[in-house]
Amino acid sequence: MVVWDEENAAHLMARAGFGGSVRDNARYARMGQQRAVERLITVGPTGARAAVRVDDPDGLEKIQTWWAKRMVKASSRRLQEKMCLFWHDHFASGASAVQNNLWMSIQNKTFRLYGLGSFKTLVYQVTKDPAMLEFLDGRRNRSGKPNENYARELMELFTLGVIDLNGADNYTQTDVTQLARALTGFVVDDHDTGVFVPSRFDGGTKTLFAGKSFQASGNLGVEDGAGNLLPPAQNIVDIFFTHRDSDGALTLPRFLANKLWEYFAYPAPAKALLDELTAGFIANGFVVSDLLRAMFLHDEFYSPAAKTSSVKNPCEYTFHAMRALEAKTNGETLADYLASMGMTLFDPPNVAGWNNGFAWLSSGQYLARLKFAQALAAGRDRPLLLKPTRLFDPSGTSAAAVVDSLLGHLGIASRVPAGVRQGLIDYFGGATNFTDTMVVEKKVRGAIALMLELPEFHIH
């Protein structure tokens, strides 16, 4: 059983958000595990999005700055913003391909509004999302001229995966073709809304997952009580939630649990753990927050393997540093720093999203992290403002005490080797007066930059 303390609270804050200050971690530790998890998960939906015009030449920069600032400052909605980033990577659409910053902003709002609720609803909303309809050609998918791009990625990347956990194929090329026909009819109207146009829908018979117990056949459209054809996507989405692995277990819950666990904890979780986590998710109608609750309350989430096996992505690295050091920002330059580290908000490299893990630590991207670390440590005015004396008691202290306090704020005191700690102490050159402005400005700020460059701070 997990002993709920500040270390585990800090781990939860780092994974379910973007880290916290020492005071944040202590506050969540005092809450107890159950209440702390509920505090993160229980947030009302919000329709907040960046205000941007279609014809604004600086629109992309504006929405990037708006979101970066929102993520770093999120308090009660830190998990909501973390999941917004997760869904942006999962249902990846890129601004450079979409060429409409308003649509990208609308999609960002969709992730924020539905990201902790029903996964069925979220998939349906994404299916008719203007940015996605453009990015994967859904708006060009019509009767007589089907386009398979969205159908393929809907199964491969968004809901099922290519193979199940036993190595069996989850779908065939025939299924892609049939699904593309079933998803015909969507366009984006003059109000920047995805709408269904019945005349563009392929009303012929289609068969999905032929020969399986969960086979679906028919025109796969939906009619209301008056016989009017409704958008078929909701009916199609339901089919994926009946798909089963070769061992009989539901495919989609395992697929999503596996991806979330790898994002929040560590790679390649055991099948038994996934089935345990998904029990409530299935029973309660596929609500994402139920799956997250099961994860964050599970002892394995706080195991040693879960605490040191993931490379922080640029948002996690940047925002954790700022939160831990209680830095202030007006949001300017944040998106530029993230882009230099390899994460251009609203423009992932392709439909599969970003390459996570050690891919974030290529030589160029690691150098960008070091430049940010130096800029943050030196920050004396906004866009980056850091006051080092807030992080330790400057009166009657020692270099060792300052080093330990700073490492504690960054959450890596227990993981930094003794030799590295001693090197940081030696860096102060015997300084003892930490009320001396020159010591603070030169040595303390320099030590902070060095600590942000340590391998231990890039891993969580």
Foldseek 3Di string as FASTA:
>chain_A
DDDQDLLLLQLCCLQLFQGFASVNSRVLSVCDLLRSLCQAQDDAFDQDFFDDDQPDPCLLVRRLLVLLVCRLPPDSHRNLSVLLVVVCQQQPFACVQLSGSVLLRNSSSLCSRQVQFAPLVSLLQLLQRLRSCRRQVQQVAFPPRFRLRVLVCCCCRNFFRQAFPVRHGQADVLQSVLVSLLQWAWHQDPVRTIAGDVVRHHQAWGWHPPPDPLIDIGSQWDADPVRDTGRSVSSVSVSLQCRAHPVGHRRRQLVVLQVSCCSRFNHDDDPVLSVVLCPVCVVVNNRNSSSVSSLSPDPNCVDPRRAFHFFDQLSSLLSNLCNLQVKAAPSPCSQVLNVQLPDNPNGAPGSNGHDGGCVSVDPRNLVSLLVSLLCQLQAVDPNIHGDLCVQAPQPQDALLRSLLSLCVSLSCNVPDDPVVSVVLRCQLVGDGRSVDPVSCNPNVSVSSSVVSSDPSSRGD
